[in-house]
């Protein structure tokens, strides 16, 4: 299926987006790659694809991927669940391309808010923490947008949407997404939102896993995790109490011997965590 590389008109755009959930595995892969390529480096295309409802479609695809594989794990099945007609490599390529397409929206401030509003953060975090189940390519694809979100997203973008129950979109599936997609409109908006506290249970669950992920083989993952820790520490002083001795050691290992960009991010995380520790001890 050959895709036109020119800027798409409205019918072509709708065809590409609906192709993301086609029943034909080849069309799904081709559409996911084409959408990703369309979004790279163009603010105008990002805005047009966002208006066409692409972000919730992509989030829904990744949610379905995670849910299916969680069910597999519960049934002691170690195989990655595939949609009909996919082989393993084809399905992984599809998920990677969809994740990268979603990540493209995080490179523009105008659309990074929409990415958060549609519940992307919990989905990407779950993918990040599934390194034992998913190929490195999938985990790295999830790490890249998380880095951008936590590095450049404002606290008002992040706070209301960190946890699962703050996600504002239902999960689209291959049977529920219509071919003609309406314009995307989140059910909640950023304007007028009051900041909420990050729950202690969320921090207790996520922070130790982030520290463990600093030991991941991928420098991309290390960099993203360090950025996430730094931002969370600036947002909530309680985070330092959730890091055990092994977690602190992991941060120091990256500071001392990680690749340059990861070291820089880990230093920023350590500085934020130190301030967080001082702040919480003074309360």
C-alpha atoms as a PDB file:
ATOM      1  CA  UNK A   1       0.000   0.000   0.000  1.00  0.00           C
ATOM      2  CA  UNK A   2       1.855   3.101  -1.247  1.00  0.00           C
ATOM      3  CA  UNK A   3       1.167   6.311   0.615  1.00  0.00           C
ATOM      4  CA  UNK A   4       1.348   9.779  -0.922  1.00  0.00           C
ATOM      5  CA  UNK A   5       4.064  11.760   0.857  1.00  0.00           C
ATOM      6  CA  UNK A   6       2.430  15.120   0.134  1.00  0.00           C
ATOM      7  CA  UNK A   7       0.358  16.940   2.705  1.00  0.00           C
ATOM      8  CA  UNK A   8      -2.934  15.036   2.869  1.00  0.00           C
ATOM      9  CA  UNK A   9      -6.302  16.449   1.959  1.00  0.00           C
ATOM     10  CA  UNK A  10      -9.176  15.727   4.340  1.00  0.00           C
ATOM     11  CA  UNK A  11     -10.386  12.446   2.734  1.00  0.00           C
ATOM     12  CA  UNK A  12      -6.832  11.096   2.554  1.00  0.00           C
ATOM     13  CA  UNK A  13      -6.187  12.075   6.174  1.00  0.00           C
ATOM     14  CA  UNK A  14      -9.349  10.294   7.352  1.00  0.00           C
ATOM     15  CA  UNK A  15      -8.355   7.252   5.306  1.00  0.00           C
ATOM     16  CA  UNK A  16      -4.909   7.149   6.918  1.00  0.00           C
ATOM     17  CA  UNK A  17      -6.267   7.545  10.442  1.00  0.00           C
ATOM     18  CA  UNK A  18      -8.989   4.937   9.963  1.00  0.00           C
ATOM     19  CA  UNK A  19      -6.333   2.668   8.443  1.00  0.00           C
ATOM     20  CA  UNK A  20      -4.661   2.558  11.857  1.00  0.00           C
ATOM     21  CA  UNK A  21      -7.421   0.196  13.012  1.00  0.00           C
ATOM     22  CA  UNK A  22      -8.028  -1.619   9.730  1.00  0.00           C
ATOM     23  CA  UNK A  23      -8.825  -5.333   9.867  1.00  0.00           C
ATOM     24  CA  UNK A  24      -5.974  -5.834   7.384  1.00  0.00           C
ATOM     25  CA  UNK A  25      -2.612  -6.149   9.171  1.00  0.00           C
ATOM     26  CA  UNK A  26      -0.658  -4.783   6.189  1.00  0.00           C
ATOM     27  CA  UNK A  27      -2.871  -1.700   6.026  1.00  0.00           C
ATOM     28  CA  UNK A  28      -2.435  -1.110   9.767  1.00  0.00           C
ATOM     29  CA  UNK A  29       1.351  -1.172   9.513  1.00  0.00           C
ATOM     30  CA  UNK A  30       1.431   0.973   6.365  1.00  0.00           C
ATOM     31  CA  UNK A  31      -0.996   3.508   7.882  1.00  0.00           C
ATOM     32  CA  UNK A  32       0.889   3.746  11.183  1.00  0.00           C
ATOM     33  CA  UNK A  33       4.162   4.360   9.340  1.00  0.00           C
ATOM     34  CA  UNK A  34       2.570   6.893   6.996  1.00  0.00           C
ATOM     35  CA  UNK A  35       0.923   8.834   9.831  1.00  0.00           C
ATOM     36  CA  UNK A  36       4.200   8.904  11.763  1.00  0.00           C
ATOM     37  CA  UNK A  37       6.082  10.194   8.723  1.00  0.00           C
ATOM     38  CA  UNK A  38       3.435  12.834   8.046  1.00  0.00           C
ATOM     39  CA  UNK A  39       3.832  14.237  11.558  1.00  0.00           C
ATOM     40  CA  UNK A  40       7.612  14.537  11.658  1.00  0.00           C
ATOM     41  CA  UNK A  41       8.799  18.131  11.664  1.00  0.00           C
ATOM     42  CA  UNK A  42       5.501  19.803  10.773  1.00  0.00           C
ATOM     43  CA  UNK A  43       3.491  21.785  13.293  1.00  0.00           C
ATOM     44  CA  UNK A  44       0.709  22.265  10.734  1.00  0.00           C
ATOM     45  CA  UNK A  45       0.337  18.532  10.139  1.00  0.00           C
ATOM     46  CA  UNK A  46       0.364  17.790  13.861  1.00  0.00           C
ATOM     47  CA  UNK A  47      -2.478  20.241  14.353  1.00  0.00           C
ATOM     48  CA  UNK A  48      -4.488  18.822  11.445  1.00  0.00           C
ATOM     49  CA  UNK A  49      -4.025  15.225  12.566  1.00  0.00           C
ATOM     50  CA  UNK A  50      -4.886  16.180  16.146  1.00  0.00           C
ATOM     51  CA  UNK A  51      -8.092  17.833  14.922  1.00  0.00           C
ATOM     52  CA  UNK A  52      -8.929  14.646  12.992  1.00  0.00           C
ATOM     53  CA  UNK A  53      -8.929  12.588  16.197  1.00  0.00           C
ATOM     54  CA  UNK A  54      -5.605  10.804  15.724  1.00  0.00           C
ATOM     55  CA  UNK A  55      -4.382  11.099  19.328  1.00  0.00           C
ATOM     56  CA  UNK A  56      -7.218   9.144  21.028  1.00  0.00           C
ATOM     57  CA  UNK A  57      -7.024   6.519  18.278  1.00  0.00           C
ATOM     58  CA  UNK A  58      -3.313   5.990  18.956  1.00  0.00           C
ATOM     59  CA  UNK A  59      -3.835   5.928  22.728  1.00  0.00           C
ATOM     60  CA  UNK A  60      -6.616   3.377  22.277  1.00  0.00           C
ATOM     61  CA  UNK A  61      -4.373   1.135  20.179  1.00  0.00           C
ATOM     62  CA  UNK A  62      -1.687   1.167  22.856  1.00  0.00           C
ATOM     63  CA  UNK A  63      -4.227   0.584  25.640  1.00  0.00           C
ATOM     64  CA  UNK A  64      -5.576  -2.424  23.806  1.00  0.00           C
ATOM     65  CA  UNK A  65      -2.033  -3.727  23.323  1.00  0.00           C
ATOM     66  CA  UNK A  66      -1.303  -3.437  27.067  1.00  0.00           C
ATOM     67  CA  UNK A  67      -4.649  -4.853  28.185  1.00  0.00           C
ATOM     68  CA  UNK A  68      -4.331  -7.872  25.922  1.00  0.00           C
ATOM     69  CA  UNK A  69      -0.856  -8.604  27.154  1.00  0.00           C
ATOM     70  CA  UNK A  70      -1.867  -8.125  30.784  1.00  0.00           C
ATOM     71  CA  UNK A  71      -4.522 -10.772  30.185  1.00  0.00           C
ATOM     72  CA  UNK A  72      -1.871 -13.011  28.666  1.00  0.00           C
ATOM     73  CA  UNK A  73       0.349 -12.576  31.719  1.00  0.00           C
ATOM     74  CA  UNK A  74      -2.547 -13.397  34.024  1.00  0.00           C
ATOM     75  CA  UNK A  75      -3.052 -16.600  32.038  1.00  0.00           C
ATOM     76  CA  UNK A  76       0.692 -17.428  32.162  1.00  0.00           C
ATOM     77  CA  UNK A  77       0.971 -16.890  28.422  1.00  0.00           C
ATOM     78  CA  UNK A  78       4.258 -15.234  27.493  1.00  0.00           C
ATOM     79  CA  UNK A  79       3.353 -14.520  23.870  1.00  0.00           C
ATOM     80  CA  UNK A  80       2.597 -10.972  22.786  1.00  0.00           C
ATOM     81  CA  UNK A  81      -1.057 -10.787  21.775  1.00  0.00           C
ATOM     82  CA  UNK A  82      -1.520  -9.884  18.112  1.00  0.00           C
ATOM     83  CA  UNK A  83      -4.435  -8.553  16.151  1.00  0.00           C
ATOM     84  CA  UNK A  84      -5.800 -10.785  13.410  1.00  0.00           C
ATOM     85  CA  UNK A  85      -3.429 -11.342  10.509  1.00  0.00           C
ATOM     86  CA  UNK A  86      -0.294 -10.026  12.205  1.00  0.00           C
ATOM     87  CA  UNK A  87       2.908 -11.946  12.677  1.00  0.00           C
ATOM     88  CA  UNK A  88       5.190 -11.107  15.595  1.00  0.00           C
ATOM     89  CA  UNK A  89       7.529  -8.743  13.736  1.00  0.00           C
ATOM     90  CA  UNK A  90       4.660  -7.064  11.924  1.00  0.00           C
ATOM     91  CA  UNK A  91       2.717  -6.443  15.110  1.00  0.00           C
ATOM     92  CA  UNK A  92       5.724  -5.044  16.969  1.00  0.00           C
ATOM     93  CA  UNK A  93       6.428  -2.747  14.032  1.00  0.00           C
ATOM     94  CA  UNK A  94       2.808  -1.552  14.160  1.00  0.00           C
ATOM     95  CA  UNK A  95       2.994  -0.796  17.900  1.00  0.00           C
ATOM     96  CA  UNK A  96       6.363   0.952  17.559  1.00  0.00           C
ATOM     97  CA  UNK A  97       5.110   3.115  14.689  1.00  0.00           C
ATOM     98  CA  UNK A  98       1.916   4.034  16.584  1.00  0.00           C
ATOM     99  CA  UNK A  99       3.930   4.940  19.672  1.00  0.00           C
ATOM    100  CA  UNK A 100       6.332   7.049  17.645  1.00  0.00           C
ATOM    101  CA  UNK A 101       3.410   8.780  15.938  1.00  0.00           C
ATOM    102  CA  UNK A 102       1.933   9.594  19.345  1.00  0.00           C
ATOM    103  CA  UNK A 103       5.352  10.802  20.449  1.00  0.00           C
ATOM    104  CA  UNK A 104       5.519  13.228  17.525  1.00  0.00           C
ATOM    105  CA  UNK A 105       2.675  15.199  19.107  1.00  0.00           C
ATOM    106  CA  UNK A 106       4.822  15.783  22.221  1.00  0.00           C
ATOM    107  CA  UNK A 107       7.344  17.850  20.256  1.00  0.00           C
ATOM    108  CA  UNK A 108       4.922  20.777  19.957  1.00  0.00           C
ATOM    109  CA  UNK A 109       3.607  22.673  22.970  1.00  0.00           C
ATOM    110  CA  UNK A 110       0.269  23.117  21.228  1.00  0.00           C
ATOM    111  CA  UNK A 111      -0.375  19.375  21.034  1.00  0.00           C
ATOM    112  CA  UNK A 112       1.524  18.103  24.094  1.00  0.00           C
ATOM    113  CA  UNK A 113      -1.444  19.167  26.225  1.00  0.00           C
ATOM    114  CA  UNK A 114      -3.802  17.081  24.087  1.00  0.00           C
ATOM    115  CA  UNK A 115      -1.519  14.074  24.460  1.00  0.00           C
ATOM    116  CA  UNK A 116      -1.823  14.402  28.242  1.00  0.00           C
ATOM    117  CA  UNK A 117      -5.568  15.042  28.157  1.00  0.00           C
ATOM    118  CA  UNK A 118      -6.281  11.851  26.254  1.00  0.00           C
ATOM    119  CA  UNK A 119      -4.688   9.646  28.899  1.00  0.00           C
ATOM    120  CA  UNK A 120      -1.342   8.948  27.241  1.00  0.00           C
ATOM    121  CA  UNK A 121       0.833   9.236  30.349  1.00  0.00           C
ATOM    122  CA  UNK A 122      -0.424   6.136  32.247  1.00  0.00           C
ATOM    123  CA  UNK A 123      -0.336   4.105  29.026  1.00  0.00           C
ATOM    124  CA  UNK A 124       3.237   5.096  28.178  1.00  0.00           C
ATOM    125  CA  UNK A 125       4.355   4.509  31.769  1.00  0.00           C
ATOM    126  CA  UNK A 126       2.925   0.981  31.660  1.00  0.00           C
ATOM    127  CA  UNK A 127       4.818   0.337  28.432  1.00  0.00           C
ATOM    128  CA  UNK A 128       7.992   1.702  30.003  1.00  0.00           C
ATOM    129  CA  UNK A 129       7.659  -0.688  32.929  1.00  0.00           C
ATOM    130  CA  UNK A 130       7.041  -3.707  30.697  1.00  0.00           C
ATOM    131  CA  UNK A 131      10.666  -4.153  29.636  1.00  0.00           C
ATOM    132  CA  UNK A 132      10.600  -7.819  30.632  1.00  0.00           C
ATOM    133  CA  UNK A 133       7.573  -8.465  28.401  1.00  0.00           C
ATOM    134  CA  UNK A 134       8.097  -6.148  25.437  1.00  0.00           C
ATOM    135  CA  UNK A 135      10.997  -5.798  22.976  1.00  0.00           C
ATOM    136  CA  UNK A 136      13.460  -2.961  23.642  1.00  0.00           C
ATOM    137  CA  UNK A 137      12.130  -1.103  20.587  1.00  0.00           C
ATOM    138  CA  UNK A 138       8.676  -0.854  22.176  1.00  0.00           C
ATOM    139  CA  UNK A 139      10.037   0.341  25.519  1.00  0.00           C
ATOM    140  CA  UNK A 140      12.279   2.936  23.860  1.00  0.00           C
ATOM    141  CA  UNK A 141       9.392   4.154  21.706  1.00  0.00           C
ATOM    142  CA  UNK A 142       7.398   4.789  24.907  1.00  0.00           C
ATOM    143  CA  UNK A 143      10.360   6.395  26.684  1.00  0.00           C
ATOM    144  CA  UNK A 144      10.873   9.126  24.080  1.00  0.00           C
ATOM    145  CA  UNK A 145       7.466  10.849  24.436  1.00  0.00           C
ATOM    146  CA  UNK A 146       7.597  10.454  28.225  1.00  0.00           C
ATOM    147  CA  UNK A 147      10.878  12.361  28.234  1.00  0.00           C
ATOM    148  CA  UNK A 148       9.352  15.185  26.188  1.00  0.00           C
ATOM    149  CA  UNK A 149       6.201  15.312  28.320  1.00  0.00           C
ATOM    150  CA  UNK A 150       8.056  15.457  31.623  1.00  0.00           C
ATOM    151  CA  UNK A 151      10.783  17.760  30.339  1.00  0.00           C
ATOM    152  CA  UNK A 152       8.621  20.313  28.541  1.00  0.00           C
ATOM    153  CA  UNK A 153       5.053  19.753  29.761  1.00  0.00           C
ATOM    154  CA  UNK A 154       3.770  22.209  32.337  1.00  0.00           C
ATOM    155  CA  UNK A 155       2.576  20.982  35.701  1.00  0.00           C
ATOM    156  CA  UNK A 156      -1.004  21.826  34.722  1.00  0.00           C
ATOM    157  CA  UNK A 157      -0.539  19.492  31.743  1.00  0.00           C
ATOM    158  CA  UNK A 158       0.777  16.675  33.926  1.00  0.00           C
ATOM    159  CA  UNK A 159      -0.932  16.798  37.297  1.00  0.00           C
ATOM    160  CA  UNK A 160      -4.520  16.011  36.317  1.00  0.00           C
ATOM    161  CA  UNK A 161      -3.528  13.192  33.977  1.00  0.00           C
ATOM    162  CA  UNK A 162      -0.779  11.248  35.737  1.00  0.00           C
ATOM    163  CA  UNK A 163      -2.966   8.493  37.089  1.00  0.00           C
ATOM    164  CA  UNK A 164      -5.318   6.108  35.337  1.00  0.00           C
ATOM    165  CA  UNK A 165      -8.530   7.517  36.771  1.00  0.00           C
ATOM    166  CA  UNK A 166      -7.727  10.944  35.321  1.00  0.00           C
ATOM    167  CA  UNK A 167      -7.589   9.725  31.723  1.00  0.00           C
ATOM    168  CA  UNK A 168     -10.286  11.453  29.680  1.00  0.00           C
ATOM    169  CA  UNK A 169     -10.812   9.025  26.836  1.00  0.00           C
ATOM    170  CA  UNK A 170     -12.310   5.589  26.443  1.00  0.00           C
ATOM    171  CA  UNK A 171     -10.354   2.882  24.678  1.00  0.00           C
ATOM    172  CA  UNK A 172     -11.106   2.743  20.948  1.00  0.00           C
ATOM    173  CA  UNK A 173     -10.801  -0.699  19.346  1.00  0.00           C
ATOM    174  CA  UNK A 174     -10.883  -2.054  15.833  1.00  0.00           C
ATOM    175  CA  UNK A 175     -14.612  -2.639  16.220  1.00  0.00           C
ATOM    176  CA  UNK A 176     -15.572   0.675  17.836  1.00  0.00           C
ATOM    177  CA  UNK A 177     -13.718   3.260  15.745  1.00  0.00           C
ATOM    178  CA  UNK A 178     -15.742   4.484  12.805  1.00  0.00           C
ATOM    179  CA  UNK A 179     -14.153   5.046   9.425  1.00  0.00           C
ATOM    180  CA  UNK A 180     -15.192   8.702   9.480  1.00  0.00           C
ATOM    181  CA  UNK A 181     -13.631  10.242  12.544  1.00  0.00           C
ATOM    182  CA  UNK A 182     -15.130  13.319  14.219  1.00  0.00           C
ATOM    183  CA  UNK A 183     -12.860  16.172  15.355  1.00  0.00           C
ATOM    184  CA  UNK A 184     -11.096  15.374  18.622  1.00  0.00           C
ATOM    185  CA  UNK A 185     -12.559  17.105  21.657  1.00  0.00           C
ATOM    186  CA  UNK A 186     -11.335  16.103  25.120  1.00  0.00           C
ATOM    187  CA  UNK A 187     -14.014  15.717  27.751  1.00  0.00           C
ATOM    188  CA  UNK A 188     -12.056  18.024  30.044  1.00  0.00           C
ATOM    189  CA  UNK A 189      -9.879  21.006  29.321  1.00  0.00           C
ATOM    190  CA  UNK A 190      -6.793  22.484  30.900  1.00  0.00           C
ATOM    191  CA  UNK A 191      -8.295  25.927  31.414  1.00  0.00           C
ATOM    192  CA  UNK A 192      -9.759  26.389  34.863  1.00  0.00           C
ATOM    193  CA  UNK A 193      -8.309  23.169  36.272  1.00  0.00           C
ATOM    194  CA  UNK A 194      -7.002  23.366  39.807  1.00  0.00           C
ATOM    195  CA  UNK A 195      -3.767  21.486  40.542  1.00  0.00           C
ATOM    196  CA  UNK A 196      -4.298  18.193  42.330  1.00  0.00           C
ATOM    197  CA  UNK A 197      -1.947  16.367  44.637  1.00  0.00           C
ATOM    198  CA  UNK A 198      -0.115  13.356  43.327  1.00  0.00           C
ATOM    199  CA  UNK A 199      -1.404  10.486  45.420  1.00  0.00           C
ATOM    200  CA  UNK A 200       0.950   8.693  47.771  1.00  0.00           C
ATOM    201  CA  UNK A 201      -0.130   5.350  46.293  1.00  0.00           C
ATOM    202  CA  UNK A 202       0.842   6.522  42.809  1.00  0.00           C
ATOM    203  CA  UNK A 203       4.279   7.614  44.009  1.00  0.00           C
ATOM    204  CA  UNK A 204       4.758   4.388  45.991  1.00  0.00           C
ATOM    205  CA  UNK A 205       4.006   2.359  42.888  1.00  0.00           C
ATOM    206  CA  UNK A 206       5.794   4.383  40.224  1.00  0.00           C
ATOM    207  CA  UNK A 207       8.913   5.836  41.861  1.00  0.00           C
ATOM    208  CA  UNK A 208      10.624   2.522  42.797  1.00  0.00           C
ATOM    209  CA  UNK A 209       9.950   1.236  39.273  1.00  0.00           C
ATOM    210  CA  UNK A 210      11.454   4.386  37.793  1.00  0.00           C
ATOM    211  CA  UNK A 211      14.580   3.918  39.898  1.00  0.00           C
ATOM    212  CA  UNK A 212      14.818   0.282  38.780  1.00  0.00           C
ATOM    213  CA  UNK A 213      14.439   1.402  35.147  1.00  0.00           C
ATOM    214  CA  UNK A 214      17.605   3.492  35.505  1.00  0.00           C
ATOM    215  CA  UNK A 215      19.438   0.178  35.193  1.00  0.00           C
ATOM    216  CA  UNK A 216      17.803  -0.575  31.835  1.00  0.00           C
ATOM    217  CA  UNK A 217      20.200  -1.414  29.010  1.00  0.00           C
ATOM    218  CA  UNK A 218      18.890   1.445  26.879  1.00  0.00           C
ATOM    219  CA  UNK A 219      20.325   4.950  27.263  1.00  0.00           C
ATOM    220  CA  UNK A 220      17.045   6.310  25.866  1.00  0.00           C
ATOM    221  CA  UNK A 221      15.155   4.740  28.772  1.00  0.00           C
ATOM    222  CA  UNK A 222      17.673   5.989  31.354  1.00  0.00           C
ATOM    223  CA  UNK A 223      17.420   9.519  30.015  1.00  0.00           C
ATOM    224  CA  UNK A 224      13.614   9.507  30.062  1.00  0.00           C
ATOM    225  CA  UNK A 225      13.426   8.047  33.567  1.00  0.00           C
ATOM    226  CA  UNK A 226      15.853  10.623  34.979  1.00  0.00           C
ATOM    227  CA  UNK A 227      13.762  13.443  33.450  1.00  0.00           C
ATOM    228  CA  UNK A 228      10.611  11.934  34.959  1.00  0.00           C
ATOM    229  CA  UNK A 229      12.158  11.682  38.424  1.00  0.00           C
ATOM    230  CA  UNK A 230      13.368  15.273  38.251  1.00  0.00           C
ATOM    231  CA  UNK A 231       9.931  16.596  37.288  1.00  0.00           C
ATOM    232  CA  UNK A 232       8.078  14.515  39.887  1.00  0.00           C
ATOM    233  CA  UNK A 233      10.472  15.736  42.586  1.00  0.00           C
ATOM    234  CA  UNK A 234       9.736  19.343  41.635  1.00  0.00           C
ATOM    235  CA  UNK A 235       6.012  18.609  41.736  1.00  0.00           C
ATOM    236  CA  UNK A 236       5.821  16.712  45.027  1.00  0.00           C
ATOM    237  CA  UNK A 237       8.254  16.721  47.958  1.00  0.00           C
ATOM    238  CA  UNK A 238       7.042  13.301  49.105  1.00  0.00           C
ATOM    239  CA  UNK A 239       8.838  11.525  46.285  1.00  0.00           C
ATOM    240  CA  UNK A 240      12.183  11.270  48.089  1.00  0.00           C
ATOM    241  CA  UNK A 241      10.607   9.156  50.829  1.00  0.00           C
ATOM    242  CA  UNK A 242       9.635   6.568  48.189  1.00  0.00           C
ATOM    243  CA  UNK A 243      13.231   5.929  47.119  1.00  0.00           C
ATOM    244  CA  UNK A 244      15.080   3.182  48.948  1.00  0.00           C
ATOM    245  CA  UNK A 245      18.835   2.679  49.207  1.00  0.00           C
ATOM    246  CA  UNK A 246      18.955   0.714  45.946  1.00  0.00           C
ATOM    247  CA  UNK A 247      17.076   3.517  44.190  1.00  0.00           C
ATOM    248  CA  UNK A 248      19.509   6.183  45.381  1.00  0.00           C
ATOM    249  CA  UNK A 249      22.403   3.959  44.290  1.00  0.00           C
ATOM    250  CA  UNK A 250      20.865   3.586  40.826  1.00  0.00           C
ATOM    251  CA  UNK A 251      20.636   7.355  40.421  1.00  0.00           C
ATOM    252  CA  UNK A 252      24.261   7.771  41.524  1.00  0.00           C
ATOM    253  CA  UNK A 253      25.443   5.075  39.110  1.00  0.00           C
ATOM    254  CA  UNK A 254      23.919   6.987  36.192  1.00  0.00           C
ATOM    255  CA  UNK A 255      25.379  10.281  37.481  1.00  0.00           C
ATOM    256  CA  UNK A 256      28.846   8.760  37.722  1.00  0.00           C
ATOM    257  CA  UNK A 257      29.025   6.478  34.710  1.00  0.00           C
ATOM    258  CA  UNK A 258      25.991   6.943  32.472  1.00  0.00           C
ATOM    259  CA  UNK A 259      26.139   8.319  28.916  1.00  0.00           C
ATOM    260  CA  UNK A 260      26.409  12.134  28.727  1.00  0.00           C
ATOM    261  CA  UNK A 261      22.746  13.040  28.247  1.00  0.00           C
ATOM    262  CA  UNK A 262      21.589  10.506  30.844  1.00  0.00           C
ATOM    263  CA  UNK A 263      24.181  11.809  33.309  1.00  0.00           C
ATOM    264  CA  UNK A 264      22.929  15.355  32.814  1.00  0.00           C
ATOM    265  CA  UNK A 265      19.321  14.273  33.379  1.00  0.00           C
ATOM    266  CA  UNK A 266      20.315  12.222  36.431  1.00  0.00           C
ATOM    267  CA  UNK A 267      22.166  15.197  37.935  1.00  0.00           C
ATOM    268  CA  UNK A 268      19.028  17.305  37.460  1.00  0.00           C
ATOM    269  CA  UNK A 269      16.977  14.542  39.098  1.00  0.00           C
ATOM    270  CA  UNK A 270      19.396  14.317  42.021  1.00  0.00           C
ATOM    271  CA  UNK A 271      19.281  18.097  42.507  1.00  0.00           C
ATOM    272  CA  UNK A 272      15.473  18.112  42.475  1.00  0.00           C
ATOM    273  CA  UNK A 273      15.321  15.126  44.814  1.00  0.00           C
ATOM    274  CA  UNK A 274      17.761  16.781  47.229  1.00  0.00           C
ATOM    275  CA  UNK A 275      15.579  19.885  47.352  1.00  0.00           C
ATOM    276  CA  UNK A 276      12.569  17.615  47.774  1.00  0.00           C
ATOM    277  CA  UNK A 277      14.255  15.887  50.713  1.00  0.00           C
ATOM    278  CA  UNK A 278      15.065  19.206  52.391  1.00  0.00           C
ATOM    279  CA  UNK A 279      11.545  20.475  51.778  1.00  0.00           C
ATOM    280  CA  UNK A 280       9.856  17.408  53.242  1.00  0.00           C
ATOM    281  CA  UNK A 281      12.170  17.357  56.270  1.00  0.00           C
ATOM    282  CA  UNK A 282      11.355  20.978  57.072  1.00  0.00           C
ATOM    283  CA  UNK A 283       7.609  20.338  57.150  1.00  0.00           C
END
